[in-house]
Amino acid sequence: MEVITDPRELFGRFQRSTRYREAFDAFYHGKRVAEDVTHEERRRAFEDSEKAKAALVAFARTEVAFVYAREDYAPASRAAIDDYIGAVRRQQGEIGARSSAGAGRETLEALDAERTRRHVELADTLVENREVPNRLMGRTLGRLILIDRGLDSVEGALEPFVDGASRALR
């Protein structure tokens, strides 16, 4: 399997893949799209959908091997990725410590809120640096980076993000 480290290459390959075309077609199957809607508008709508998120995760894990390589990102993106990974590691450590002590609902909600904030900041930075097309794809790339670092799973990347800390204690 070919290793891809550059986020722009990952998205370019994804957009040209059979998996993308099949997910795109499935997204629009049975939908009536106005004639004046351009292909670019349809592409943007699809790429901002859960179906595109699932297709990208599958593509990055089964058709190519996505590996996070820090040097392939803009400096601001590298800093945001470092902050996000650090926040996730701290959260996981705190969840582990608190789960044995019986973490309360407020603690879990605070952990989820902090991780979500870092995740959104990362996604927005990736968009600003034109490394991904939109916030959802930025969040998805963030999760793929966590998977590569052993901090998340494919199943976790497909679930709604805000449930992260609560899921860890089930």
N, C-alpha and C. Protein backbone atom coordinates (compact mmCIF):
# COMPACT_ATOMS: atom_id res chain seq x y z
N MET A 1 0.85 -1.17 0.00
CA MET A 1 0.00 0.00 0.00
C MET A 1 0.90 1.24 0.00
N GLU A 2 0.54 2.21 -0.80
CA GLU A 2 1.32 3.43 -0.91
C GLU A 2 1.11 4.33 0.31
N VAL A 3 2.20 4.86 0.83
CA VAL A 3 2.15 5.77 1.97
C VAL A 3 2.00 7.20 1.45
N ILE A 4 1.05 7.92 2.03
CA ILE A 4 0.85 9.34 1.71
C ILE A 4 0.99 10.13 3.00
N THR A 5 1.83 11.15 2.96
CA THR A 5 2.03 11.99 4.14
C THR A 5 1.51 13.40 3.95
N ASP A 6 1.46 13.87 2.73
CA ASP A 6 1.05 15.24 2.43
C ASP A 6 -0.48 15.35 2.40
N PRO A 7 -1.08 16.27 3.17
CA PRO A 7 -2.54 16.36 3.20
C PRO A 7 -3.14 16.75 1.86
N ARG A 8 -2.48 17.60 1.11
CA ARG A 8 -3.01 18.00 -0.20
C ARG A 8 -3.00 16.82 -1.17
N GLU A 9 -1.95 16.03 -1.13
CA GLU A 9 -1.90 14.84 -1.97
C GLU A 9 -2.98 13.85 -1.55
N LEU A 10 -3.18 13.69 -0.25
CA LEU A 10 -4.23 12.80 0.24
C LEU A 10 -5.59 13.21 -0.33
N PHE A 11 -5.92 14.50 -0.24
CA PHE A 11 -7.23 14.95 -0.73
C PHE A 11 -7.33 14.88 -2.24
N GLY A 12 -6.25 15.19 -2.93
CA GLY A 12 -6.26 15.08 -4.39
C GLY A 12 -6.51 13.65 -4.84
N ARG A 13 -5.79 12.72 -4.23
CA ARG A 13 -5.97 11.30 -4.56
C ARG A 13 -7.38 10.84 -4.18
N PHE A 14 -7.85 11.27 -3.03
CA PHE A 14 -9.20 10.91 -2.59
C PHE A 14 -10.23 11.40 -3.61
N GLN A 15 -10.12 12.64 -4.03
CA GLN A 15 -11.08 13.21 -4.97
C GLN A 15 -11.08 12.51 -6.32
N ARG A 16 -9.98 11.89 -6.67
CA ARG A 16 -9.88 11.17 -7.95
C ARG A 16 -10.18 9.68 -7.81
N SER A 17 -10.49 9.24 -6.61
CA SER A 17 -10.66 7.80 -6.36
C SER A 17 -12.06 7.30 -6.69
N THR A 18 -12.11 5.99 -6.89
CA THR A 18 -13.40 5.32 -7.09
C THR A 18 -14.25 5.44 -5.84
N ARG A 19 -13.62 5.34 -4.67
CA ARG A 19 -14.36 5.45 -3.41
C ARG A 19 -15.07 6.81 -3.33
N TYR A 20 -14.40 7.86 -3.72
CA TYR A 20 -14.99 9.21 -3.73
C TYR A 20 -16.18 9.24 -4.67
N ARG A 21 -15.97 8.77 -5.90
CA ARG A 21 -17.06 8.80 -6.90
C ARG A 21 -18.27 8.01 -6.43
N GLU A 22 -18.02 6.84 -5.85
CA GLU A 22 -19.14 6.03 -5.37
C GLU A 22 -19.87 6.70 -4.21
N ALA A 23 -19.14 7.29 -3.29
CA ALA A 23 -19.77 7.99 -2.16
C ALA A 23 -20.50 9.24 -2.64
N PHE A 24 -19.90 9.95 -3.60
CA PHE A 24 -20.53 11.14 -4.19
C PHE A 24 -21.86 10.75 -4.83
N ASP A 25 -21.83 9.70 -5.65
CA ASP A 25 -23.06 9.23 -6.32
C ASP A 25 -24.10 8.78 -5.31
N ALA A 26 -23.68 8.07 -4.27
CA ALA A 26 -24.62 7.63 -3.23
C ALA A 26 -25.21 8.81 -2.47
N PHE A 27 -24.41 9.83 -2.25
CA PHE A 27 -24.88 11.03 -1.55
C PHE A 27 -26.01 11.70 -2.32
N TYR A 28 -25.91 11.72 -3.64
CA TYR A 28 -26.93 12.39 -4.46
C TYR A 28 -28.00 11.44 -4.98
N HIS A 29 -27.86 10.14 -4.73
CA HIS A 29 -28.84 9.18 -5.22
C HIS A 29 -30.23 9.52 -4.66
N GLY A 30 -31.20 9.66 -5.56
CA GLY A 30 -32.57 9.93 -5.17
C GLY A 30 -32.85 11.38 -4.82
N LYS A 31 -31.83 12.23 -4.88
CA LYS A 31 -32.03 13.65 -4.57
C LYS A 31 -32.27 14.41 -5.87
N ARG A 32 -33.11 15.39 -5.78
CA ARG A 32 -33.33 16.26 -6.93
C ARG A 32 -32.48 17.51 -6.74
N VAL A 33 -31.59 17.72 -7.67
CA VAL A 33 -30.70 18.87 -7.62
C VAL A 33 -31.11 19.84 -8.72
N ALA A 34 -31.28 21.10 -8.36
CA ALA A 34 -31.68 22.12 -9.33
C ALA A 34 -30.66 22.18 -10.47
N GLU A 35 -31.16 22.45 -11.64
CA GLU A 35 -30.31 22.47 -12.83
C GLU A 35 -29.22 23.52 -12.77
N ASP A 36 -29.47 24.61 -12.04
CA ASP A 36 -28.47 25.68 -12.00
C ASP A 36 -27.37 25.45 -10.95
N VAL A 37 -27.44 24.33 -10.22
CA VAL A 37 -26.39 24.00 -9.25
C VAL A 37 -25.20 23.44 -10.01
N THR A 38 -24.06 24.06 -9.82
CA THR A 38 -22.86 23.63 -10.54
C THR A 38 -22.26 22.38 -9.92
N HIS A 39 -21.38 21.74 -10.66
CA HIS A 39 -20.67 20.57 -10.14
C HIS A 39 -19.83 20.98 -8.93
N GLU A 40 -19.22 22.15 -8.98
CA GLU A 40 -18.41 22.64 -7.86
C GLU A 40 -19.26 22.80 -6.60
N GLU A 41 -20.46 23.31 -6.74
CA GLU A 41 -21.36 23.45 -5.58
C GLU A 41 -21.77 22.09 -5.04
N ARG A 42 -22.02 21.15 -5.94
CA ARG A 42 -22.36 19.79 -5.50
C ARG A 42 -21.17 19.14 -4.81
N ARG A 43 -19.96 19.36 -5.33
CA ARG A 43 -18.75 18.81 -4.72
C ARG A 43 -18.57 19.36 -3.31
N ARG A 44 -18.74 20.68 -3.17
CA ARG A 44 -18.57 21.29 -1.84
C ARG A 44 -19.61 20.75 -0.85
N ALA A 45 -20.84 20.58 -1.29
CA ALA A 45 -21.89 20.06 -0.41
C ALA A 45 -21.56 18.62 0.01
N PHE A 46 -21.14 17.82 -0.95
CA PHE A 46 -20.77 16.44 -0.62
C PHE A 46 -19.61 16.40 0.36
N GLU A 47 -18.56 17.18 0.10
CA GLU A 47 -17.37 17.16 0.95
C GLU A 47 -17.63 17.70 2.35
N ASP A 48 -18.79 18.28 2.56
CA ASP A 48 -19.16 18.75 3.89
C ASP A 48 -20.19 17.82 4.53
N SER A 49 -20.17 16.55 4.11
CA SER A 49 -21.16 15.59 4.60
C SER A 49 -20.49 14.44 5.36
N GLU A 50 -21.28 13.78 6.19
CA GLU A 50 -20.81 12.60 6.91
C GLU A 50 -20.42 11.48 5.95
N LYS A 51 -21.09 11.40 4.81
CA LYS A 51 -20.76 10.37 3.82
C LYS A 51 -19.34 10.59 3.28
N ALA A 52 -18.97 11.85 3.04
CA ALA A 52 -17.61 12.15 2.58
C ALA A 52 -16.60 11.85 3.68
N LYS A 53 -16.94 12.19 4.92
CA LYS A 53 -16.06 11.91 6.05
C LYS A 53 -15.77 10.41 6.13
N ALA A 54 -16.80 9.59 6.07
CA ALA A 54 -16.63 8.14 6.15
C ALA A 54 -15.81 7.62 4.98
N ALA A 55 -16.05 8.18 3.78
CA ALA A 55 -15.31 7.74 2.61
C ALA A 55 -13.83 8.11 2.73
N LEU A 56 -13.54 9.30 3.25
CA LEU A 56 -12.14 9.71 3.42
C LEU A 56 -11.43 8.83 4.44
N VAL A 57 -12.07 8.55 5.55
CA VAL A 57 -11.45 7.68 6.56
C VAL A 57 -11.16 6.31 5.96
N ALA A 58 -12.12 5.75 5.25
CA ALA A 58 -11.91 4.44 4.62
C ALA A 58 -10.79 4.51 3.59
N PHE A 59 -10.78 5.54 2.78
CA PHE A 59 -9.74 5.70 1.75
C PHE A 59 -8.35 5.78 2.39
N ALA A 60 -8.23 6.60 3.43
CA ALA A 60 -6.94 6.83 4.07
C ALA A 60 -6.42 5.62 4.85
N ARG A 61 -7.30 4.69 5.15
CA ARG A 61 -6.88 3.52 5.93
C ARG A 61 -6.82 2.24 5.10
N THR A 62 -7.53 2.19 3.96
CA THR A 62 -7.58 0.93 3.21
C THR A 62 -7.02 1.02 1.79
N GLU A 63 -7.07 2.19 1.17
CA GLU A 63 -6.59 2.31 -0.20
C GLU A 63 -5.20 2.92 -0.28
N VAL A 64 -4.88 3.74 0.68
CA VAL A 64 -3.53 4.27 0.85
C VAL A 64 -3.23 4.19 2.34
N ALA A 65 -2.00 4.39 2.69
CA ALA A 65 -1.64 4.42 4.10
C ALA A 65 -1.30 5.86 4.47
N PHE A 66 -2.24 6.55 5.12
CA PHE A 66 -1.96 7.92 5.54
C PHE A 66 -1.09 7.89 6.79
N VAL A 67 0.01 8.63 6.73
CA VAL A 67 0.93 8.75 7.85
C VAL A 67 1.19 10.23 8.08
N TYR A 68 1.06 10.67 9.31
CA TYR A 68 1.33 12.07 9.63
C TYR A 68 2.83 12.33 9.59
N ALA A 69 3.23 13.28 8.74
CA ALA A 69 4.62 13.74 8.66
C ALA A 69 4.60 15.24 8.90
N ARG A 70 5.08 15.64 10.05
CA ARG A 70 5.03 17.03 10.50
C ARG A 70 5.52 18.03 9.44
N GLU A 71 6.58 17.66 8.72
CA GLU A 71 7.19 18.59 7.76
C GLU A 71 6.30 18.89 6.55
N ASP A 72 5.23 18.13 6.35
CA ASP A 72 4.34 18.36 5.21
C ASP A 72 3.24 19.38 5.51
N TYR A 73 3.31 20.03 6.65
CA TYR A 73 2.28 20.99 7.06
C TYR A 73 2.89 22.37 7.27
N ALA A 74 2.07 23.39 7.11
CA ALA A 74 2.49 24.76 7.36
C ALA A 74 2.82 24.91 8.85
N PRO A 75 3.69 25.85 9.20
CA PRO A 75 4.06 26.03 10.61
C PRO A 75 2.86 26.21 11.55
N ALA A 76 1.88 27.00 11.15
CA ALA A 76 0.71 27.20 12.02
C ALA A 76 -0.06 25.90 12.19
N SER A 77 -0.15 25.10 11.14
CA SER A 77 -0.83 23.81 11.23
C SER A 77 -0.07 22.86 12.14
N ARG A 78 1.26 22.86 12.02
CA ARG A 78 2.07 22.00 12.90
C ARG A 78 1.84 22.36 14.36
N ALA A 79 1.79 23.65 14.65
CA ALA A 79 1.56 24.08 16.04
C ALA A 79 0.18 23.65 16.51
N ALA A 80 -0.83 23.80 15.66
CA ALA A 80 -2.20 23.39 16.03
C ALA A 80 -2.29 21.88 16.21
N ILE A 81 -1.59 21.12 15.38
CA ILE A 81 -1.58 19.66 15.50
C ILE A 81 -0.90 19.26 16.80
N ASP A 82 0.23 19.88 17.10
CA ASP A 82 0.92 19.60 18.37
C ASP A 82 0.02 19.88 19.57
N ASP A 83 -0.68 21.03 19.52
CA ASP A 83 -1.59 21.39 20.62
C ASP A 83 -2.72 20.36 20.76
N TYR A 84 -3.27 19.94 19.62
CA TYR A 84 -4.36 18.96 19.63
C TYR A 84 -3.89 17.62 20.17
N ILE A 85 -2.77 17.13 19.67
CA ILE A 85 -2.24 15.85 20.16
C ILE A 85 -1.95 15.95 21.65
N GLY A 86 -1.36 17.04 22.09
CA GLY A 86 -1.08 17.23 23.51
C GLY A 86 -2.34 17.24 24.34
N ALA A 87 -3.38 17.92 23.86
CA ALA A 87 -4.65 17.97 24.59
C ALA A 87 -5.28 16.58 24.68
N VAL A 88 -5.21 15.82 23.59
CA VAL A 88 -5.79 14.47 23.59
C VAL A 88 -5.02 13.58 24.57
N ARG A 89 -3.72 13.67 24.56
CA ARG A 89 -2.92 12.86 25.50
C ARG A 89 -3.23 13.22 26.95
N ARG A 90 -3.32 14.52 27.23
CA ARG A 90 -3.67 14.94 28.60
C ARG A 90 -5.06 14.46 28.97
N GLN A 91 -5.99 14.57 28.04
CA GLN A 91 -7.36 14.13 28.30
C GLN A 91 -7.41 12.63 28.59
N GLN A 92 -6.71 11.86 27.77
CA GLN A 92 -6.72 10.41 27.97
C GLN A 92 -6.10 10.04 29.31
N GLY A 93 -5.03 10.73 29.68
CA GLY A 93 -4.42 10.48 30.98
C GLY A 93 -5.35 10.84 32.12
N GLU A 94 -6.04 11.95 31.97
CA GLU A 94 -6.96 12.38 33.02
C GLU A 94 -8.17 11.45 33.11
N ILE A 95 -8.66 11.00 31.97
CA ILE A 95 -9.79 10.07 31.97
C ILE A 95 -9.39 8.78 32.67
N GLY A 96 -8.19 8.28 32.35
CA GLY A 96 -7.72 7.05 32.99
C GLY A 96 -7.61 7.20 34.49
N ALA A 97 -7.07 8.32 34.92
CA ALA A 97 -6.91 8.56 36.36
C ALA A 97 -8.26 8.75 37.04
N ARG A 98 -9.15 9.45 36.38
CA ARG A 98 -10.45 9.74 37.01
C ARG A 98 -11.42 8.58 36.92
N SER A 99 -11.26 7.72 35.91
CA SER A 99 -12.23 6.63 35.78
C SER A 99 -12.16 5.71 36.99
N SER A 100 -10.97 5.50 37.51
CA SER A 100 -10.87 4.65 38.69
C SER A 100 -11.40 5.36 39.93
N ALA A 101 -11.40 6.69 39.90
CA ALA A 101 -11.91 7.46 41.03
C ALA A 101 -13.38 7.81 40.84
N GLY A 102 -13.96 7.51 39.67
CA GLY A 102 -15.36 7.82 39.41
C GLY A 102 -15.56 9.25 38.97
N ALA A 103 -15.10 9.57 37.75
CA ALA A 103 -15.24 10.92 37.22
C ALA A 103 -16.71 11.29 37.10
N GLY A 104 -17.01 12.53 37.45
CA GLY A 104 -18.37 13.01 37.36
C GLY A 104 -18.72 13.52 35.98
N ARG A 105 -20.00 13.74 35.77
CA ARG A 105 -20.50 14.21 34.47
C ARG A 105 -19.89 15.55 34.09
N GLU A 106 -19.76 16.46 35.05
CA GLU A 106 -19.19 17.78 34.76
C GLU A 106 -17.75 17.67 34.29
N THR A 107 -16.99 16.78 34.89
CA THR A 107 -15.60 16.59 34.48
C THR A 107 -15.54 16.07 33.05
N LEU A 108 -16.36 15.10 32.73
CA LEU A 108 -16.38 14.55 31.37
C LEU A 108 -16.79 15.61 30.36
N GLU A 109 -17.79 16.41 30.70
CA GLU A 109 -18.23 17.46 29.79
C GLU A 109 -17.13 18.50 29.57
N ALA A 110 -16.39 18.83 30.62
CA ALA A 110 -15.29 19.79 30.48
C ALA A 110 -14.19 19.22 29.59
N LEU A 111 -13.87 17.93 29.76
CA LEU A 111 -12.86 17.29 28.92
C LEU A 111 -13.30 17.26 27.46
N ASP A 112 -14.56 16.92 27.23
CA ASP A 112 -15.08 16.91 25.86
C ASP A 112 -15.03 18.31 25.25
N ALA A 113 -15.39 19.32 26.02
CA ALA A 113 -15.40 20.70 25.51
C ALA A 113 -14.00 21.15 25.12
N GLU A 114 -13.01 20.84 25.94
CA GLU A 114 -11.63 21.23 25.64
C GLU A 114 -11.12 20.52 24.40
N ARG A 115 -11.37 19.24 24.30
CA ARG A 115 -10.92 18.49 23.13
C ARG A 115 -11.61 18.99 21.87
N THR A 116 -12.90 19.26 21.97
CA THR A 116 -13.65 19.78 20.83
C THR A 116 -13.09 21.13 20.39
N ARG A 117 -12.79 22.00 21.34
CA ARG A 117 -12.24 23.32 21.02
C ARG A 117 -10.92 23.18 20.27
N ARG A 118 -10.04 22.32 20.77
CA ARG A 118 -8.75 22.10 20.11
C ARG A 118 -8.93 21.50 18.71
N HIS A 119 -9.90 20.62 18.60
CA HIS A 119 -10.18 19.96 17.32
C HIS A 119 -10.66 20.97 16.29
N VAL A 120 -11.58 21.84 16.68
CA VAL A 120 -12.10 22.86 15.78
C VAL A 120 -11.01 23.87 15.41
N GLU A 121 -10.19 24.25 16.38
CA GLU A 121 -9.07 25.16 16.09
C GLU A 121 -8.12 24.54 15.07
N LEU A 122 -7.83 23.26 15.23
CA LEU A 122 -6.98 22.57 14.28
C LEU A 122 -7.62 22.57 12.89
N ALA A 123 -8.89 22.20 12.82
CA ALA A 123 -9.58 22.15 11.53
C ALA A 123 -9.57 23.51 10.84
N ASP A 124 -9.85 24.56 11.60
CA ASP A 124 -9.86 25.90 11.02
C ASP A 124 -8.47 26.31 10.52
N THR A 125 -7.44 25.94 11.26
CA THR A 125 -6.07 26.25 10.83
C THR A 125 -5.72 25.50 9.55
N LEU A 126 -6.11 24.24 9.45
CA LEU A 126 -5.87 23.46 8.24
C LEU A 126 -6.58 24.09 7.04
N VAL A 127 -7.79 24.59 7.25
CA VAL A 127 -8.54 25.26 6.17
C VAL A 127 -7.83 26.55 5.78
N GLU A 128 -7.44 27.35 6.78
CA GLU A 128 -6.74 28.62 6.50
C GLU A 128 -5.47 28.40 5.70
N ASN A 129 -4.78 27.31 5.94
CA ASN A 129 -3.54 27.00 5.22
C ASN A 129 -3.78 26.20 3.95
N ARG A 130 -5.03 26.05 3.57
CA ARG A 130 -5.44 25.36 2.35
C ARG A 130 -4.92 23.92 2.28
N GLU A 131 -4.88 23.28 3.44
CA GLU A 131 -4.46 21.89 3.49
C GLU A 131 -5.66 20.95 3.40
N VAL A 132 -6.85 21.48 3.65
CA VAL A 132 -8.12 20.76 3.50
C VAL A 132 -9.16 21.75 2.96
N PRO A 133 -10.23 21.24 2.34
CA PRO A 133 -11.21 22.14 1.73
C PRO A 133 -12.22 22.78 2.70
N ASN A 134 -12.47 22.14 3.85
CA ASN A 134 -13.49 22.69 4.76
C ASN A 134 -13.25 22.16 6.17
N ARG A 135 -14.05 22.68 7.10
CA ARG A 135 -13.86 22.32 8.52
C ARG A 135 -14.10 20.83 8.77
N LEU A 136 -15.11 20.24 8.16
CA LEU A 136 -15.37 18.81 8.40
C LEU A 136 -14.19 17.96 7.93
N MET A 137 -13.64 18.28 6.77
CA MET A 137 -12.48 17.52 6.28
C MET A 137 -11.27 17.81 7.17
N GLY A 138 -11.17 19.01 7.73
CA GLY A 138 -10.10 19.31 8.68
C GLY A 138 -10.23 18.50 9.95
N ARG A 139 -11.46 18.38 10.45
CA ARG A 139 -11.68 17.56 11.64
C ARG A 139 -11.38 16.10 11.34
N THR A 140 -11.75 15.67 10.14
CA THR A 140 -11.49 14.28 9.76
C THR A 140 -9.98 14.03 9.66
N LEU A 141 -9.25 14.96 9.07
CA LEU A 141 -7.81 14.82 9.00
C LEU A 141 -7.21 14.80 10.41
N GLY A 142 -7.73 15.62 11.29
CA GLY A 142 -7.27 15.60 12.68
C GLY A 142 -7.43 14.22 13.30
N ARG A 143 -8.56 13.60 13.06
CA ARG A 143 -8.80 12.27 13.59
C ARG A 143 -7.87 11.25 12.94
N LEU A 144 -7.60 11.40 11.63
CA LEU A 144 -6.66 10.49 10.96
C LEU A 144 -5.26 10.62 11.55
N ILE A 145 -4.87 11.83 11.91
CA ILE A 145 -3.58 12.04 12.56
C ILE A 145 -3.56 11.32 13.91
N LEU A 146 -4.67 11.43 14.66
CA LEU A 146 -4.74 10.72 15.95
C LEU A 146 -4.64 9.21 15.75
N ILE A 147 -5.31 8.69 14.73
CA ILE A 147 -5.24 7.25 14.44
C ILE A 147 -3.79 6.87 14.17
N ASP A 148 -3.12 7.66 13.34
CA ASP A 148 -1.72 7.37 13.03
C ASP A 148 -0.86 7.39 14.28
N ARG A 149 -1.18 8.22 15.24
CA ARG A 149 -0.40 8.32 16.47
C ARG A 149 -0.86 7.33 17.55
N GLY A 150 -1.84 6.49 17.22
CA GLY A 150 -2.32 5.50 18.18
C GLY A 150 -3.21 6.09 19.26
N LEU A 151 -3.78 7.25 19.01
CA LEU A 151 -4.61 7.93 20.00
C LEU A 151 -6.10 7.86 19.69
N ASP A 152 -6.45 7.22 18.61
CA ASP A 152 -7.86 7.10 18.21
C ASP A 152 -7.97 5.84 17.36
N SER A 153 -9.20 5.49 17.03
CA SER A 153 -9.46 4.33 16.18
C SER A 153 -10.31 4.76 14.99
N VAL A 154 -10.36 3.92 13.97
CA VAL A 154 -11.21 4.21 12.82
C VAL A 154 -12.66 4.34 13.29
N GLU A 155 -13.08 3.43 14.15
CA GLU A 155 -14.45 3.49 14.66
C GLU A 155 -14.70 4.82 15.38
N GLY A 156 -13.74 5.24 16.17
CA GLY A 156 -13.87 6.51 16.89
C GLY A 156 -13.94 7.69 15.95
N ALA A 157 -13.17 7.64 14.87
CA ALA A 157 -13.17 8.74 13.91
C ALA A 157 -14.50 8.88 13.19
N LEU A 158 -15.26 7.81 13.13
CA LEU A 158 -16.55 7.85 12.45
C LEU A 158 -17.70 8.27 13.37
N GLU A 159 -17.45 8.27 14.67
CA GLU A 159 -18.49 8.67 15.63
C GLU A 159 -18.50 10.18 15.79
N PRO A 160 -19.62 10.71 16.27
CA PRO A 160 -19.64 12.14 16.58
C PRO A 160 -18.56 12.45 17.63
N PHE A 161 -17.83 13.52 17.43
CA PHE A 161 -16.68 13.82 18.28
C PHE A 161 -17.02 14.10 19.73
N VAL A 162 -18.10 14.81 20.01
CA VAL A 162 -18.37 15.26 21.38
C VAL A 162 -18.57 14.12 22.35
N ASP A 163 -18.71 12.91 21.86
CA ASP A 163 -18.95 11.77 22.73
C ASP A 163 -17.64 11.10 23.17
N GLY A 164 -16.49 11.70 22.83
CA GLY A 164 -15.20 11.05 23.06
C GLY A 164 -14.90 10.63 24.47
N ALA A 165 -14.94 11.55 25.43
CA ALA A 165 -14.59 11.20 26.80
C ALA A 165 -15.63 10.29 27.43
N SER A 166 -16.88 10.54 27.13
CA SER A 166 -17.93 9.68 27.67
C SER A 166 -17.78 8.25 27.15
N ARG A 167 -17.43 8.12 25.86
CA ARG A 167 -17.25 6.79 25.26
C ARG A 167 -16.09 6.07 25.93
N ALA A 168 -15.04 6.80 26.30
CA ALA A 168 -13.85 6.18 26.88
C ALA A 168 -14.14 5.52 28.24
N LEU A 169 -15.17 5.98 28.92
CA LEU A 169 -15.47 5.43 30.24
C LEU A 169 -16.54 4.36 30.25
N ARG A 170 -17.09 4.05 29.11
CA ARG A 170 -18.14 3.02 29.05
C ARG A 170 -17.58 1.65 29.26
